[in-house]
Amino acid sequence: MSSISSAPQQQFSLRYHKASISYILPISSRYIYSADQSGLVIKWDLQIRRPKLQWQAHKDSILTILQWHQYIVTHSRDSTIKVWLEDILQFEMPVNALNYTNIVLYRDNYLITPATLDSNNVDVYKLKQHPIEVSRVIANISIFELVNKTRTNMHANKAGDGVDINVKYADEFAIDDKDNMQGRQDFGIIMKMLVIDMTIYIGFESGDIVGLHLEVPESKLTRGSNSTLLINREPRLKLEYQNTLLVPNPVISLANLNGLLVSGSTGTKVVIHSDPTRTVKFHLSGIHSIQTYQDRLVIGFWDGAIEYKGEIIQRPLPQIKGGLDINSNGDDENEEENLKSNVKLTSMTLSSFGNSSGSDTAKVQHVRKPKYSEMVKAKSMSDALFAGYEDGTIMGYALI
């Protein structure tokens, strides 16, 4: 009796990009946006598997696509952030752009970016819709200095100086362990950012991960006998969390697992930031992307492999077989190394719309066990894993 494979099942492919896929953003069960290293953006209609809209949004690789109300926000290595209504440009601003770092929205009206002056630091912008306005409210804040300052205050608190600081550290990271920070001048450049609930997580080149909370004080209204004064206090970032388990490997992937942070690096280790933290090791290195589905991890590796429920799928490059290589020196080991040619994974995301909880499938199970084809069909549009590759192809997979 053969068992059904739990590996992601290919449902369709989307082919139009000529350059490597750099970002994929699902906005509904029917539409996704994709971007590539040339700066092209495509809005896909998944019902017909064709582009509905396409435009040259930037002159270089697009690092981030965000949905902000009715707008689409794009962030590129050409050092600009642009706001679009469909393919019509509504707003543009200069911004620092690094090789990997994305930008994130916070509470839908703040934008967190790498700092313009220093790639290791952070800028925070406040967004307004009507008309679109962007104002910088926090400039060039050093997270490394914020961590050091908070640690100093925590030591003062332990000494009885009355400083009230509450920061969650990884269980392997003790407040009194000075070796964790001694001799280090910085965390390096920002590599990845992710917002979970009210916490902004930032992964650094050093392997450090920091969690921040953006405090937005309420405006204070002061009334006098002849006048009324509105006092606006500026937002500030407060340290909530730090983890050093991935040091010294750069953080290249962050994900949300039911409210818990999951992180991966250039190494083989994935950290689940529960209490206490859990570490999962894989046989492949380069944790390019982490997605979560029904309490399980979907791991995309640099070399193109995708692992889910212990099974791996890959897209091998076409190979010419049976020919005689007159230049071959008979070294089978080198020959095998040269044939290790999978299409490189460059972007991966999971869409969960409509039947994302699987409730419809659960109802059917009370009557009879659904056929595998029915399960795949039910989930192919609502729950889909989208994998973008260096050859410009986007593959749609169903997860069972």
Protein backbone atom coordinates (compact mmCIF):
# COMPACT_ATOMS: atom_id res chain seq x y z
CA MET A 1 0.00 0.00 0.00
CA SER A 2 1.62 3.23 -1.15
CA SER A 3 1.55 6.28 1.08
CA ILE A 4 0.79 9.78 -0.16
CA SER A 5 3.84 12.04 -0.21
CA SER A 6 3.67 15.05 2.11
CA ALA A 7 6.08 17.03 -0.08
CA PRO A 8 4.70 20.25 -1.64
CA GLN A 9 2.84 19.34 -4.83
CA GLN A 10 3.41 21.50 -7.91
CA GLN A 11 0.15 23.01 -9.20
CA PHE A 12 1.23 25.57 -11.79
CA SER A 13 4.03 27.83 -12.95
CA LEU A 14 4.04 31.53 -13.81
CA ARG A 15 6.52 32.51 -16.51
CA TYR A 16 7.01 36.06 -17.71
CA HIS A 17 9.91 37.55 -15.76
CA LYS A 18 13.23 37.59 -17.60
CA ALA A 19 15.27 38.32 -14.45
CA SER A 20 15.62 36.58 -11.10
CA ILE A 21 12.54 36.81 -8.86
CA SER A 22 13.25 39.08 -5.88
CA TYR A 23 9.90 39.36 -4.08
CA ILE A 24 6.40 37.83 -4.09
CA LEU A 25 3.40 39.38 -2.32
CA PRO A 26 0.01 37.60 -2.27
CA ILE A 27 -2.84 40.07 -1.70
CA SER A 28 -5.78 37.67 -2.10
CA SER A 29 -6.53 34.12 -3.21
CA ARG A 30 -6.75 35.45 -6.77
CA TYR A 31 -3.98 38.04 -7.09
CA ILE A 32 -0.28 38.19 -6.29
CA TYR A 33 2.42 40.74 -7.04
CA SER A 34 5.90 39.65 -8.07
CA ALA A 35 9.07 41.63 -8.67
CA ASP A 36 12.48 40.86 -10.12
CA GLN A 37 16.06 42.07 -10.14
CA SER A 38 15.46 44.33 -13.13
CA GLY A 39 12.83 46.37 -11.25
CA LEU A 40 9.81 44.93 -13.08
CA VAL A 41 6.56 44.42 -11.13
CA ILE A 42 3.77 42.08 -12.30
CA LYS A 43 0.27 41.70 -10.88
CA TRP A 44 -0.87 38.13 -11.61
CA ASP A 45 -4.41 36.82 -11.97
CA LEU A 46 -4.16 33.29 -10.61
CA GLN A 47 -7.47 32.20 -12.11
CA ILE A 48 -6.10 32.58 -15.62
CA ARG A 49 -2.39 32.30 -14.65
CA ARG A 50 -1.57 35.42 -16.66
CA PRO A 51 -0.29 38.93 -15.87
CA LYS A 52 -3.09 41.42 -15.32
CA LEU A 53 -0.72 44.37 -15.00
CA GLN A 54 3.00 44.95 -15.42
CA TRP A 55 5.26 47.97 -15.21
CA GLN A 56 8.89 48.99 -14.79
CA ALA A 57 8.74 50.27 -11.22
CA HIS A 58 12.47 50.66 -10.55
CA LYS A 59 15.87 50.67 -12.22
CA ASP A 60 17.33 47.96 -9.97
CA SER A 61 16.32 44.92 -7.95
CA ILE A 62 13.18 45.28 -5.84
CA LEU A 63 13.76 44.23 -2.22
CA THR A 64 10.26 44.71 -0.78
CA ILE A 65 6.63 44.98 -1.87
CA LEU A 66 4.10 46.01 0.78
CA GLN A 67 0.35 46.55 0.71
CA TRP A 68 -0.61 49.81 2.43
CA HIS A 69 -4.36 50.44 2.36
CA GLN A 70 -5.26 50.67 -1.36
CA TYR A 71 -1.63 51.28 -2.34
CA ILE A 72 1.37 49.13 -3.18
CA VAL A 73 4.73 50.22 -1.75
CA THR A 74 7.93 49.14 -3.51
CA HIS A 75 11.48 49.42 -2.17
CA SER A 76 14.46 48.95 -4.47
CA ARG A 77 18.23 48.85 -4.59
CA ASP A 78 18.02 51.98 -6.74
CA SER A 79 17.63 53.69 -3.31
CA THR A 80 13.99 54.72 -3.67
CA ILE A 81 10.69 53.86 -2.06
CA LYS A 82 7.66 54.36 -4.31
CA VAL A 83 3.94 54.31 -3.58
CA TRP A 84 1.65 53.08 -6.38
CA LEU A 85 -2.07 52.97 -7.09
CA GLU A 86 -2.05 50.07 -9.52
CA ASP A 87 0.76 51.12 -11.90
CA ILE A 88 0.35 54.89 -11.36
CA LEU A 89 3.08 56.46 -9.23
CA GLN A 90 1.65 58.41 -6.29
CA PHE A 91 4.74 59.20 -4.21
CA GLU A 92 8.51 58.70 -4.24
CA MET A 93 11.26 59.22 -1.67
CA PRO A 94 14.99 58.43 -1.41
CA VAL A 95 16.04 55.78 1.09
CA ASN A 96 19.06 53.67 1.98
CA ALA A 97 19.04 50.32 0.20
CA LEU A 98 21.26 47.35 1.06
CA ASN A 99 21.75 43.98 -0.58
CA TYR A 100 19.19 42.13 1.52
CA THR A 101 17.32 44.38 3.91
CA ASN A 102 13.58 44.72 3.52
CA ILE A 103 11.42 47.48 4.96
CA VAL A 104 8.40 46.92 7.22
CA LEU A 105 5.14 48.64 8.12
CA TYR A 106 4.28 49.09 11.79
CA ARG A 107 0.67 49.63 12.88
CA ASP A 108 -0.06 50.60 9.27
CA ASN A 109 1.13 54.18 9.73
CA TYR A 110 4.86 53.85 10.44
CA LEU A 111 7.57 52.67 8.06
CA ILE A 112 10.82 51.17 9.40
CA THR A 113 13.86 51.37 7.09
CA PRO A 114 17.66 51.15 7.26
CA ALA A 115 19.00 54.58 8.23
CA THR A 116 20.03 56.94 5.44
CA LEU A 117 23.26 57.91 7.22
CA ASP A 118 24.37 54.51 8.53
CA SER A 119 23.37 51.08 7.17
CA ASN A 120 23.69 49.59 10.67
CA ASN A 121 21.06 51.93 12.11
CA VAL A 122 17.32 52.55 11.74
CA ASP A 123 15.05 55.34 10.51
CA VAL A 124 11.34 55.51 11.34
CA TYR A 125 8.86 57.41 9.14
CA LYS A 126 5.28 58.38 9.87
CA LEU A 127 2.84 57.88 6.99
CA LYS A 128 -0.29 59.84 6.12
CA GLN A 129 -2.76 58.96 3.38
CA HIS A 130 -4.76 62.00 2.25
CA PRO A 131 -2.65 63.36 0.66
CA ILE A 132 0.28 60.98 0.96
CA GLU A 133 2.87 62.45 3.31
CA VAL A 134 5.98 60.90 4.83
CA SER A 135 7.87 62.46 7.74
CA ARG A 136 10.89 61.04 9.55
CA VAL A 137 10.21 60.83 13.29
CA ILE A 138 13.28 58.81 14.36
CA ALA A 139 16.59 59.31 12.56
CA ASN A 140 19.71 57.14 12.54
CA ILE A 141 19.17 55.34 15.84
CA SER A 142 21.91 52.84 16.70
CA ILE A 143 20.37 49.58 17.93
CA PHE A 144 23.78 48.48 19.22
CA GLU A 145 24.00 51.58 21.42
CA LEU A 146 20.39 51.08 22.53
CA VAL A 147 21.22 47.52 23.63
CA ASN A 148 24.34 48.65 25.49
CA LYS A 149 22.47 51.46 27.21
CA THR A 150 19.64 49.14 28.25
CA ARG A 151 22.12 46.58 29.59
CA THR A 152 23.81 49.29 31.63
CA ASN A 153 20.46 50.32 33.07
CA MET A 154 19.64 46.70 33.89
CA HIS A 155 22.89 46.38 35.82
CA ALA A 156 21.98 49.59 37.65
CA ASN A 157 18.58 48.11 38.43
CA LYS A 158 20.20 44.98 39.87
CA ALA A 159 22.40 47.21 42.00
CA GLY A 160 19.29 48.78 43.49
CA ASP A 161 19.34 52.10 41.64
CA GLY A 162 15.62 51.97 40.94
CA VAL A 163 15.78 51.83 37.11
CA ASP A 164 12.71 50.00 35.77
CA ILE A 165 13.79 48.04 32.68
CA ASN A 166 12.10 44.86 31.42
CA VAL A 167 13.89 43.08 28.57
CA LYS A 168 13.55 39.41 27.56
CA TYR A 169 16.85 37.74 26.67
CA ALA A 170 17.41 34.28 25.29
CA ASP A 171 17.92 31.79 28.11
CA GLU A 172 21.50 31.25 26.92
CA PHE A 173 22.17 34.97 27.22
CA ALA A 174 22.78 36.18 30.77
CA ILE A 175 22.67 39.84 31.75
CA ASP A 176 25.97 39.47 33.59
CA ASP A 177 27.72 37.72 30.68
CA LYS A 178 29.90 40.57 29.47
CA ASP A 179 31.72 38.36 26.96
CA ASN A 180 28.68 38.53 24.67
CA MET A 181 29.29 42.21 23.94
CA GLN A 182 32.94 42.82 24.85
CA GLY A 183 35.16 43.73 21.93
CA ARG A 184 32.20 44.23 19.59
CA GLN A 185 31.73 47.68 18.15
CA ASP A 186 28.49 47.05 16.30
CA PHE A 187 26.03 44.43 15.06
CA GLY A 188 26.94 45.09 11.43
CA ILE A 189 24.42 45.96 8.76
CA ILE A 190 20.72 45.18 9.05
CA MET A 191 19.86 41.97 7.18
CA LYS A 192 16.17 41.29 7.83
CA MET A 193 13.18 42.84 9.61
CA LEU A 194 9.80 41.43 10.66
CA VAL A 195 6.89 42.77 12.71
CA ILE A 196 4.98 40.33 14.95
CA ASP A 197 2.11 41.87 16.88
CA MET A 198 3.66 45.02 18.40
CA THR A 199 7.32 43.95 18.24
CA ILE A 200 9.78 44.90 15.49
CA TYR A 201 12.40 42.16 15.11
CA ILE A 202 15.67 43.04 13.41
CA GLY A 203 18.30 40.49 12.36
CA PHE A 204 21.86 41.69 11.86
CA GLU A 205 24.98 40.71 9.96
CA SER A 206 26.55 39.64 13.28
CA GLY A 207 23.81 37.08 13.93
CA ASP A 208 22.22 39.16 16.69
CA ILE A 209 18.44 39.50 16.74
CA VAL A 210 16.82 42.41 18.56
CA GLY A 211 13.14 43.00 19.33
CA LEU A 212 11.92 46.60 19.62
CA HIS A 213 8.70 48.31 20.59
CA LEU A 214 7.77 51.66 19.07
CA GLU A 215 6.28 53.80 21.81
CA VAL A 216 3.98 56.46 20.40
CA PRO A 217 3.03 58.89 23.20
CA GLU A 218 -0.40 60.48 22.99
CA SER A 219 -0.55 64.18 22.24
CA LYS A 220 -1.19 66.35 25.28
CA LEU A 221 -3.76 69.15 25.12
CA THR A 222 -3.16 72.06 27.48
CA ARG A 223 -5.88 74.66 27.83
CA GLY A 224 -5.20 78.16 29.09
CA SER A 225 -7.54 81.04 29.78
CA ASN A 226 -7.10 82.46 26.29
CA SER A 227 -5.47 79.66 24.30
CA THR A 228 -5.15 75.93 23.76
CA LEU A 229 -1.74 74.29 23.26
CA LEU A 230 -1.30 70.88 21.62
CA ILE A 231 1.96 69.22 22.62
CA ASN A 232 3.12 66.38 20.34
CA ARG A 233 5.72 64.07 21.85
CA GLU A 234 7.99 62.16 19.50
CA PRO A 235 7.91 58.33 19.25
CA ARG A 236 10.83 56.35 20.62
CA LEU A 237 12.14 52.80 20.28
CA LYS A 238 12.38 50.62 23.37
CA LEU A 239 14.36 47.38 23.60
CA GLU A 240 12.22 44.32 24.38
CA TYR A 241 14.28 41.31 23.31
CA GLN A 242 17.74 40.16 22.30
CA ASN A 243 19.02 36.79 21.10
CA THR A 244 22.56 35.78 20.12
CA LEU A 245 22.07 32.12 19.18
CA LEU A 246 22.87 32.64 15.48
CA VAL A 247 26.10 34.58 16.12
CA PRO A 248 28.40 34.75 14.13
CA ASN A 249 26.27 33.80 11.10
CA PRO A 250 24.29 36.63 9.43
CA VAL A 251 20.51 36.47 9.90
CA ILE A 252 18.85 36.07 6.49
CA SER A 253 15.33 34.85 7.31
CA LEU A 254 12.65 35.65 9.89
CA ALA A 255 9.14 34.19 10.20
CA ASN A 256 6.07 34.22 12.42
CA LEU A 257 4.99 30.86 13.91
CA ASN A 258 1.73 31.50 15.77
CA GLY A 259 3.16 34.65 17.34
CA LEU A 260 6.63 33.19 17.92
CA LEU A 261 9.66 34.44 16.04
CA VAL A 262 11.56 31.89 13.93
CA SER A 263 14.99 32.82 12.55
CA GLY A 264 17.51 31.34 10.14
CA SER A 265 20.98 32.25 8.96
CA THR A 266 23.70 31.40 6.48
CA GLY A 267 24.40 28.32 8.61
CA THR A 268 22.31 25.18 9.16
CA LYS A 269 20.46 26.26 12.30
CA VAL A 270 16.89 27.49 12.72
CA VAL A 271 15.94 29.05 16.07
CA ILE A 272 12.36 29.04 17.39
CA HIS A 273 12.17 31.90 19.88
CA SER A 274 9.91 30.24 22.42
CA ASP A 275 10.60 30.21 26.16
CA PRO A 276 12.98 28.45 26.38
CA THR A 277 14.29 28.74 22.84
CA ARG A 278 14.43 25.69 20.58
CA THR A 279 17.00 24.98 17.88
CA VAL A 280 16.48 22.82 14.79
CA LYS A 281 19.45 21.81 12.63
CA PHE A 282 19.20 20.95 8.94
CA HIS A 283 21.65 19.12 6.72
CA LEU A 284 21.73 22.01 4.22
CA SER A 285 23.12 25.48 4.92
CA GLY A 286 21.81 28.87 3.87
CA ILE A 287 18.28 29.22 5.31
CA HIS A 288 17.10 31.60 2.60
CA SER A 289 13.43 31.68 3.56
CA ILE A 290 11.18 30.36 6.33
CA GLN A 291 7.41 30.04 5.96
CA THR A 292 4.98 28.55 8.47
CA TYR A 293 1.95 26.40 7.72
CA GLN A 294 -0.30 24.64 10.25
CA ASP A 295 2.34 24.73 13.01
CA ARG A 296 5.02 23.40 10.66
CA LEU A 297 8.02 25.04 9.04
CA VAL A 298 8.60 25.27 5.30
CA ILE A 299 12.31 25.91 4.74
CA GLY A 300 13.77 27.27 1.51
CA PHE A 301 17.53 26.92 1.07
CA TRP A 302 19.94 28.95 -1.01
CA ASP A 303 20.69 26.01 -3.30
CA GLY A 304 17.04 25.77 -4.37
CA ALA A 305 15.84 22.97 -2.09
CA ILE A 306 12.53 23.35 -0.23
CA GLU A 307 11.95 21.14 2.83
CA TYR A 308 8.54 20.44 4.37
CA LYS A 309 7.60 17.60 6.75
CA GLY A 310 11.03 16.04 6.22
CA GLU A 311 10.67 15.85 2.43
CA ILE A 312 12.63 17.91 -0.08
CA ILE A 313 11.70 19.21 -3.52
CA GLN A 314 14.15 20.74 -6.00
CA ARG A 315 14.17 22.08 -9.54
CA PRO A 316 17.18 20.54 -11.29
CA LEU A 317 18.71 22.39 -14.19
CA PRO A 318 18.51 20.48 -17.49
CA GLN A 319 21.63 18.39 -18.09
CA ILE A 320 23.10 17.06 -21.34
CA LYS A 321 23.70 13.35 -20.82
CA GLY A 322 25.40 10.64 -22.85
CA GLY A 323 27.94 12.89 -24.54
CA LEU A 324 31.68 12.22 -24.46
CA ASP A 325 33.72 14.98 -22.89
CA ILE A 326 37.12 14.85 -24.59
CA ASN A 327 38.49 17.23 -21.97
CA SER A 328 37.44 14.99 -19.07
CA ASN A 329 40.29 13.86 -16.84
CA GLY A 330 38.23 10.99 -15.45
CA ASP A 331 37.78 12.65 -12.07
CA ASP A 332 34.33 11.39 -11.09
CA GLU A 333 34.27 13.51 -7.92
CA ASN A 334 34.80 16.76 -9.84
CA GLU A 335 32.30 15.64 -12.46
CA GLU A 336 29.68 15.02 -9.78
CA GLU A 337 30.39 18.44 -8.25
CA ASN A 338 29.87 20.14 -11.61
CA LEU A 339 26.52 18.39 -12.07
CA LYS A 340 25.12 19.67 -8.76
CA SER A 341 22.92 22.11 -10.60
CA ASN A 342 19.58 23.00 -9.09
CA VAL A 343 17.78 26.21 -10.00
CA LYS A 344 18.54 28.66 -7.20
CA LEU A 345 15.64 29.74 -4.98
CA THR A 346 15.48 33.55 -4.73
CA SER A 347 12.10 34.25 -3.11
CA MET A 348 9.45 32.25 -1.27
CA THR A 349 6.16 33.14 0.39
CA LEU A 350 2.98 31.45 1.56
CA SER A 351 -0.52 32.65 0.74
CA SER A 352 -3.34 31.74 3.13
CA PHE A 353 -6.69 33.14 2.09
CA GLY A 354 -10.23 31.77 2.15
CA ASN A 355 -9.90 28.17 3.29
CA SER A 356 -6.64 28.84 5.11
CA SER A 357 -7.73 27.02 8.25
CA GLY A 358 -8.74 23.91 6.34
CA SER A 359 -12.24 24.05 7.86
CA ASP A 360 -13.98 23.00 4.63
CA THR A 361 -11.80 19.92 4.41
CA ALA A 362 -12.56 19.12 8.04
CA LYS A 363 -16.32 19.19 7.32
CA VAL A 364 -15.93 16.72 4.45
CA GLN A 365 -13.97 14.34 6.66
CA HIS A 366 -17.04 13.71 8.82
CA VAL A 367 -18.75 12.18 5.78
CA ARG A 368 -15.90 10.49 3.98
CA LYS A 369 -12.18 10.77 3.57
CA PRO A 370 -11.50 13.26 0.75
CA LYS A 371 -9.57 12.18 -2.29
CA TYR A 372 -6.05 13.53 -2.62
CA SER A 373 -7.01 15.38 -5.82
CA GLU A 374 -9.90 17.07 -4.00
CA MET A 375 -7.63 18.20 -1.18
CA VAL A 376 -5.12 19.65 -3.62
CA LYS A 377 -7.82 21.42 -5.65
CA ALA A 378 -9.40 22.94 -2.53
CA LYS A 379 -6.10 24.35 -1.38
CA SER A 380 -4.40 25.21 -4.67
CA MET A 381 -5.77 28.75 -4.72
CA SER A 382 -6.39 29.56 -1.04
CA ASP A 383 -3.31 27.95 0.54
CA ALA A 384 -0.39 28.06 -1.85
CA LEU A 385 3.37 28.15 -1.53
CA PHE A 386 4.94 30.45 -4.12
CA ALA A 387 8.61 29.87 -4.92
CA GLY A 388 10.51 32.29 -7.15
CA TYR A 389 13.70 31.23 -8.87
CA GLU A 390 16.76 32.79 -10.48
CA ASP A 391 15.49 31.92 -13.97
CA GLY A 392 12.44 34.18 -13.47
CA THR A 393 9.97 31.33 -12.93
CA ILE A 394 7.40 31.29 -10.11
CA MET A 395 6.15 27.86 -9.07
CA GLY A 396 2.88 27.37 -7.19
CA TYR A 397 2.81 24.44 -4.77
CA ALA A 398 -0.02 22.97 -2.68
CA LEU A 399 0.74 21.98 0.91
CA ILE A 400 -1.06 18.97 2.40
